[in-house]
Protein backbone atom coordinates (compact mmCIF):
# COMPACT_ATOMS: atom_id res chain seq x y z
CA UNK A 1 95.36 101.27 98.68
CA UNK A 2 95.18 97.44 97.83
CA UNK A 3 98.30 95.79 98.63
CA UNK A 4 98.80 91.97 97.73
CA UNK A 5 101.70 89.51 98.46
CA UNK A 6 103.14 87.77 95.21
CA UNK A 7 104.33 84.93 96.77
CA UNK A 8 103.72 83.10 100.26
CA UNK A 9 106.19 80.71 99.81
CA UNK A 10 108.35 82.28 101.91
CA UNK A 11 110.52 81.14 105.50
CA UNK A 12 109.02 83.49 108.41
CA UNK A 13 112.31 84.95 108.72
CA UNK A 14 112.58 87.09 105.73
CA UNK A 15 115.99 85.95 103.87
CA UNK A 16 118.15 88.18 101.14
CA UNK A 17 115.69 88.19 98.44
CA UNK A 18 113.03 89.40 100.81
CA UNK A 19 109.27 89.89 100.05
CA UNK A 20 107.73 91.25 97.40
CA UNK A 21 103.97 93.23 97.73
CA UNK A 22 102.02 94.69 94.74
CA UNK A 23 100.54 97.60 95.49
CA UNK A 24 97.25 99.06 93.61
CA UNK A 25 94.90 101.75 93.94
CA UNK A 26 92.13 101.45 96.36
CA UNK A 27 89.90 99.66 93.37
CA UNK A 28 92.81 97.63 92.11
CA UNK A 29 92.46 99.23 88.57
CA UNK A 30 96.20 100.78 88.54
CA UNK A 31 98.91 99.21 89.38
CA UNK A 32 101.52 101.51 91.60
CA UNK A 33 104.38 99.45 91.97
CA UNK A 34 106.25 96.78 93.83
CA UNK A 35 107.31 97.24 97.76
CA UNK A 36 110.07 94.93 98.08
CA UNK A 37 110.64 93.97 102.16
CA UNK A 38 114.44 92.58 102.74
CA UNK A 39 115.96 91.99 105.73
CA UNK A 40 118.62 95.22 104.23
CA UNK A 41 115.49 97.50 104.42
CA UNK A 42 112.69 98.72 101.47
CA UNK A 43 112.66 99.05 98.05
CA UNK A 44 110.48 100.78 96.38
CA UNK A 45 109.88 100.12 92.43
CA UNK A 46 107.70 102.72 90.87
CA UNK A 47 105.26 100.97 88.37
CA UNK A 48 107.03 98.51 86.59
CA UNK A 49 110.59 99.61 87.65
CA UNK A 50 112.86 96.58 88.14
CA UNK A 51 114.00 96.09 91.60
CA UNK A 52 117.59 96.66 90.77
CA UNK A 53 116.59 100.25 89.57
CA UNK A 54 114.32 100.87 92.55
CA UNK A 55 114.42 103.37 95.38
CA UNK A 56 116.41 101.63 98.40
CA UNK A 57 116.44 102.69 101.76
CA UNK A 58 117.80 100.73 105.01
CA UNK A 59 115.79 100.15 107.92
CA UNK A 60 117.38 102.72 110.09
CA UNK A 61 116.62 105.29 107.58
CA UNK A 62 113.37 104.37 107.40
CA UNK A 63 112.48 104.23 111.26
CA UNK A 64 114.05 107.72 111.69
CA UNK A 65 111.51 109.10 108.90
CA UNK A 66 108.24 107.17 110.38
CA UNK A 67 109.04 108.11 113.68
CA UNK A 68 109.80 111.80 112.55
CA UNK A 69 106.18 111.84 111.25
């Protein structure tokens, strides 16, 4: 995967707006979507889905999922 940070002008501590990452195919030709990392959790925005319509998961649920793998 190719993952890039859209905006580096963020504080070291993630605030309410979070940090948005662009996620591309390994060769960079296809934009899969955006991953928003916030202090409340993660938001996956497939394709051109807006943040408001993205799939949200809170940190505790994400950790449960990740550790269950």
